[in-house]
Amino acid sequence: STANAPEDDAPNRYSRPERTAYSRYSRDANSSGSSLPSNSLEKRIEELERELAKERQENARLMKMAQDKEELIGKLKEEIDLLNR
């Protein structure tokens, strides 16, 4: 169960820097008087953040599946070894 901890922390590891970058970007866009309305930029950023969150969830799910399969392979190898003895 301790091997799952790094995977569980993966979404949290990226969330803070993203928010910091978003805040910085938002301030820069507002101060520079960007040609695109900041509202549409904010919506696009929120959309991309949601998409990124979904991709991270999928990545964590696939990593868990791979880990489970690796554990099963190890157990089956041990069982084969015992049967061969």
N, C-alpha and C. Protein backbone atom coordinates (compact mmCIF):
# COMPACT_ATOMS: atom_id res chain seq x y z
N SER A 1 0.83 -1.21 0.00
CA SER A 1 0.00 0.00 0.00
C SER A 1 0.86 1.26 0.00
N THR A 2 2.10 1.16 0.48
CA THR A 2 2.96 2.34 0.48
C THR A 2 3.37 2.73 -0.93
N ALA A 3 3.35 1.79 -1.86
CA ALA A 3 3.71 2.10 -3.24
C ALA A 3 2.66 2.98 -3.90
N ASN A 4 1.44 2.99 -3.38
CA ASN A 4 0.38 3.80 -3.97
C ASN A 4 0.51 5.27 -3.60
N ALA A 5 1.22 5.56 -2.53
CA ALA A 5 1.31 6.94 -2.05
C ALA A 5 1.84 7.91 -3.10
N PRO A 6 2.92 7.62 -3.82
CA PRO A 6 3.40 8.58 -4.82
C PRO A 6 2.36 8.85 -5.91
N GLU A 7 1.62 7.83 -6.30
CA GLU A 7 0.59 8.04 -7.32
C GLU A 7 -0.50 8.95 -6.80
N ASP A 8 -0.89 8.73 -5.55
CA ASP A 8 -1.96 9.52 -4.98
C ASP A 8 -1.55 10.99 -4.85
N ASP A 9 -0.26 11.24 -4.67
CA ASP A 9 0.23 12.60 -4.51
C ASP A 9 0.41 13.31 -5.84
N ALA A 10 0.40 12.57 -6.95
CA ALA A 10 0.68 13.17 -8.25
C ALA A 10 -0.24 14.34 -8.58
N PRO A 11 -1.56 14.21 -8.43
CA PRO A 11 -2.40 15.37 -8.76
C PRO A 11 -2.12 16.57 -7.87
N ASN A 12 -1.83 16.33 -6.60
CA ASN A 12 -1.56 17.44 -5.68
C ASN A 12 -0.23 18.11 -6.00
N ARG A 13 0.70 17.33 -6.49
CA ARG A 13 2.03 17.87 -6.76
C ARG A 13 1.96 18.96 -7.83
N TYR A 14 1.04 18.84 -8.79
CA TYR A 14 0.98 19.79 -9.89
C TYR A 14 -0.03 20.91 -9.68
N SER A 15 -0.95 20.74 -8.75
CA SER A 15 -2.04 21.71 -8.65
C SER A 15 -1.56 23.08 -8.18
N ARG A 16 -0.67 23.14 -7.22
CA ARG A 16 -0.24 24.44 -6.70
C ARG A 16 0.52 25.26 -7.73
N PRO A 17 1.54 24.70 -8.39
CA PRO A 17 2.25 25.50 -9.40
C PRO A 17 1.32 25.96 -10.52
N GLU A 18 0.36 25.14 -10.90
CA GLU A 18 -0.56 25.55 -11.95
C GLU A 18 -1.34 26.77 -11.52
N ARG A 19 -1.83 26.72 -10.28
CA ARG A 19 -2.62 27.85 -9.79
C ARG A 19 -1.75 29.10 -9.73
N THR A 20 -0.51 28.94 -9.32
CA THR A 20 0.40 30.08 -9.27
C THR A 20 0.63 30.63 -10.66
N ALA A 21 0.87 29.74 -11.62
CA ALA A 21 1.08 30.17 -12.99
C ALA A 21 -0.17 30.84 -13.54
N TYR A 22 -1.33 30.29 -13.21
CA TYR A 22 -2.59 30.88 -13.67
C TYR A 22 -2.75 32.29 -13.11
N SER A 23 -2.48 32.45 -11.83
CA SER A 23 -2.62 33.77 -11.20
C SER A 23 -1.66 34.76 -11.84
N ARG A 24 -0.44 34.34 -12.06
CA ARG A 24 0.57 35.20 -12.67
C ARG A 24 0.14 35.57 -14.08
N TYR A 25 -0.31 34.56 -14.85
CA TYR A 25 -0.74 34.80 -16.23
C TYR A 25 -1.92 35.75 -16.27
N SER A 26 -2.86 35.54 -15.38
CA SER A 26 -4.05 36.38 -15.33
C SER A 26 -3.67 37.83 -15.05
N ARG A 27 -2.78 38.04 -14.09
CA ARG A 27 -2.34 39.40 -13.76
C ARG A 27 -1.64 40.03 -14.95
N ASP A 28 -0.73 39.26 -15.61
CA ASP A 28 0.02 39.79 -16.74
C ASP A 28 -0.93 40.16 -17.89
N ALA A 29 -1.90 39.30 -18.16
CA ALA A 29 -2.83 39.55 -19.26
C ALA A 29 -3.66 40.79 -18.97
N ASN A 30 -4.08 40.94 -17.73
CA ASN A 30 -4.91 42.10 -17.39
C ASN A 30 -4.10 43.39 -17.44
N SER A 31 -2.86 43.36 -17.02
CA SER A 31 -2.06 44.57 -16.98
C SER A 31 -1.57 44.97 -18.37
N SER A 32 -1.41 44.00 -19.28
CA SER A 32 -0.89 44.33 -20.60
C SER A 32 -1.99 44.79 -21.56
N GLY A 33 -3.25 44.63 -21.17
CA GLY A 33 -4.35 45.01 -22.05
C GLY A 33 -4.39 44.13 -23.28
N SER A 34 -4.38 42.84 -23.07
CA SER A 34 -4.38 41.86 -24.15
C SER A 34 -5.54 42.07 -25.10
N SER A 35 -5.34 41.71 -26.38
CA SER A 35 -6.39 41.91 -27.38
C SER A 35 -7.57 40.97 -27.15
N LEU A 36 -7.32 39.77 -26.58
CA LEU A 36 -8.40 38.85 -26.26
C LEU A 36 -9.03 39.24 -24.93
N PRO A 37 -10.33 39.15 -24.82
CA PRO A 37 -10.96 39.45 -23.52
C PRO A 37 -10.47 38.48 -22.46
N SER A 38 -10.18 39.01 -21.29
CA SER A 38 -9.65 38.16 -20.22
C SER A 38 -10.66 37.10 -19.81
N ASN A 39 -11.95 37.39 -19.98
CA ASN A 39 -12.98 36.42 -19.63
C ASN A 39 -12.86 35.17 -20.49
N SER A 40 -12.62 35.33 -21.80
CA SER A 40 -12.48 34.16 -22.67
C SER A 40 -11.19 33.41 -22.36
N LEU A 41 -10.15 34.14 -22.00
CA LEU A 41 -8.90 33.49 -21.61
C LEU A 41 -9.10 32.67 -20.34
N GLU A 42 -9.81 33.25 -19.39
CA GLU A 42 -10.07 32.54 -18.13
C GLU A 42 -10.89 31.28 -18.39
N LYS A 43 -11.89 31.39 -19.26
CA LYS A 43 -12.70 30.21 -19.59
C LYS A 43 -11.85 29.14 -20.25
N ARG A 44 -10.98 29.55 -21.16
CA ARG A 44 -10.12 28.60 -21.86
C ARG A 44 -9.17 27.93 -20.86
N ILE A 45 -8.62 28.71 -19.95
CA ILE A 45 -7.71 28.16 -18.94
C ILE A 45 -8.45 27.17 -18.05
N GLU A 46 -9.66 27.53 -17.64
CA GLU A 46 -10.46 26.62 -16.81
C GLU A 46 -10.77 25.33 -17.56
N GLU A 47 -11.09 25.46 -18.85
CA GLU A 47 -11.37 24.28 -19.68
C GLU A 47 -10.13 23.39 -19.77
N LEU A 48 -8.99 24.00 -19.99
CA LEU A 48 -7.74 23.23 -20.09
C LEU A 48 -7.37 22.60 -18.75
N GLU A 49 -7.65 23.30 -17.65
CA GLU A 49 -7.38 22.74 -16.32
C GLU A 49 -8.25 21.52 -16.06
N ARG A 50 -9.53 21.59 -16.47
CA ARG A 50 -10.42 20.44 -16.31
C ARG A 50 -9.93 19.26 -17.16
N GLU A 51 -9.53 19.56 -18.39
CA GLU A 51 -9.03 18.51 -19.27
C GLU A 51 -7.76 17.89 -18.69
N LEU A 52 -6.89 18.73 -18.15
CA LEU A 52 -5.66 18.25 -17.54
C LEU A 52 -5.96 17.36 -16.33
N ALA A 53 -6.93 17.76 -15.53
CA ALA A 53 -7.32 16.96 -14.36
C ALA A 53 -7.83 15.59 -14.79
N LYS A 54 -8.64 15.56 -15.87
CA LYS A 54 -9.13 14.28 -16.38
C LYS A 54 -7.99 13.40 -16.86
N GLU A 55 -7.04 14.00 -17.57
CA GLU A 55 -5.89 13.25 -18.08
C GLU A 55 -5.04 12.71 -16.93
N ARG A 56 -4.89 13.51 -15.88
CA ARG A 56 -4.11 13.05 -14.72
C ARG A 56 -4.82 11.89 -14.03
N GLN A 57 -6.14 11.97 -13.94
CA GLN A 57 -6.91 10.86 -13.35
C GLN A 57 -6.72 9.60 -14.16
N GLU A 58 -6.82 9.73 -15.48
CA GLU A 58 -6.64 8.58 -16.36
C GLU A 58 -5.22 8.02 -16.23
N ASN A 59 -4.25 8.91 -16.15
CA ASN A 59 -2.86 8.48 -15.99
C ASN A 59 -2.67 7.73 -14.67
N ALA A 60 -3.25 8.25 -13.59
CA ALA A 60 -3.15 7.58 -12.29
C ALA A 60 -3.83 6.21 -12.34
N ARG A 61 -4.98 6.13 -13.03
CA ARG A 61 -5.69 4.86 -13.16
C ARG A 61 -4.84 3.84 -13.93
N LEU A 62 -4.23 4.30 -15.02
CA LEU A 62 -3.39 3.39 -15.82
C LEU A 62 -2.14 2.97 -15.05
N MET A 63 -1.57 3.89 -14.29
CA MET A 63 -0.39 3.55 -13.48
C MET A 63 -0.76 2.49 -12.44
N LYS A 64 -1.93 2.64 -11.83
CA LYS A 64 -2.40 1.68 -10.83
C LYS A 64 -2.61 0.32 -11.48
N MET A 65 -3.22 0.30 -12.67
CA MET A 65 -3.43 -0.96 -13.37
C MET A 65 -2.09 -1.63 -13.69
N ALA A 66 -1.13 -0.85 -14.15
CA ALA A 66 0.19 -1.40 -14.47
C ALA A 66 0.85 -1.96 -13.22
N GLN A 67 0.73 -1.24 -12.11
CA GLN A 67 1.32 -1.71 -10.85
C GLN A 67 0.66 -3.01 -10.40
N ASP A 68 -0.66 -3.07 -10.49
CA ASP A 68 -1.38 -4.29 -10.11
C ASP A 68 -0.94 -5.47 -10.97
N LYS A 69 -0.77 -5.23 -12.26
CA LYS A 69 -0.34 -6.31 -13.15
C LYS A 69 1.08 -6.75 -12.85
N GLU A 70 1.94 -5.80 -12.52
CA GLU A 70 3.31 -6.14 -12.14
C GLU A 70 3.32 -7.02 -10.88
N GLU A 71 2.48 -6.67 -9.91
CA GLU A 71 2.39 -7.46 -8.69
C GLU A 71 1.87 -8.87 -8.99
N LEU A 72 0.87 -8.96 -9.86
CA LEU A 72 0.33 -10.26 -10.24
C LEU A 72 1.39 -11.10 -10.95
N ILE A 73 2.15 -10.48 -11.83
CA ILE A 73 3.23 -11.19 -12.53
C ILE A 73 4.24 -11.73 -11.53
N GLY A 74 4.59 -10.90 -10.54
CA GLY A 74 5.54 -11.35 -9.51
C GLY A 74 5.00 -12.54 -8.73
N LYS A 75 3.75 -12.48 -8.35
CA LYS A 75 3.14 -13.58 -7.60
C LYS A 75 3.09 -14.85 -8.44
N LEU A 76 2.72 -14.71 -9.71
CA LEU A 76 2.66 -15.88 -10.60
C LEU A 76 4.05 -16.48 -10.82
N LYS A 77 5.06 -15.63 -10.92
CA LYS A 77 6.43 -16.14 -11.06
C LYS A 77 6.84 -16.95 -9.83
N GLU A 78 6.48 -16.42 -8.64
CA GLU A 78 6.79 -17.14 -7.42
C GLU A 78 6.07 -18.50 -7.40
N GLU A 79 4.82 -18.49 -7.80
CA GLU A 79 4.03 -19.73 -7.82
C GLU A 79 4.64 -20.73 -8.80
N ILE A 80 5.05 -20.27 -9.98
CA ILE A 80 5.70 -21.15 -10.97
C ILE A 80 6.97 -21.73 -10.40
N ASP A 81 7.73 -20.88 -9.72
CA ASP A 81 8.99 -21.33 -9.11
C ASP A 81 8.72 -22.44 -8.08
N LEU A 82 7.68 -22.22 -7.24
CA LEU A 82 7.33 -23.24 -6.24
C LEU A 82 6.88 -24.54 -6.90
N LEU A 83 6.10 -24.44 -7.95
CA LEU A 83 5.62 -25.63 -8.65
C LEU A 83 6.77 -26.38 -9.32
N ASN A 84 7.76 -25.64 -9.81
CA ASN A 84 8.90 -26.29 -10.45
C ASN A 84 9.78 -27.02 -9.45
N ARG A 85 9.76 -26.59 -8.21
CA ARG A 85 10.56 -27.28 -7.19
C ARG A 85 9.89 -28.58 -6.84
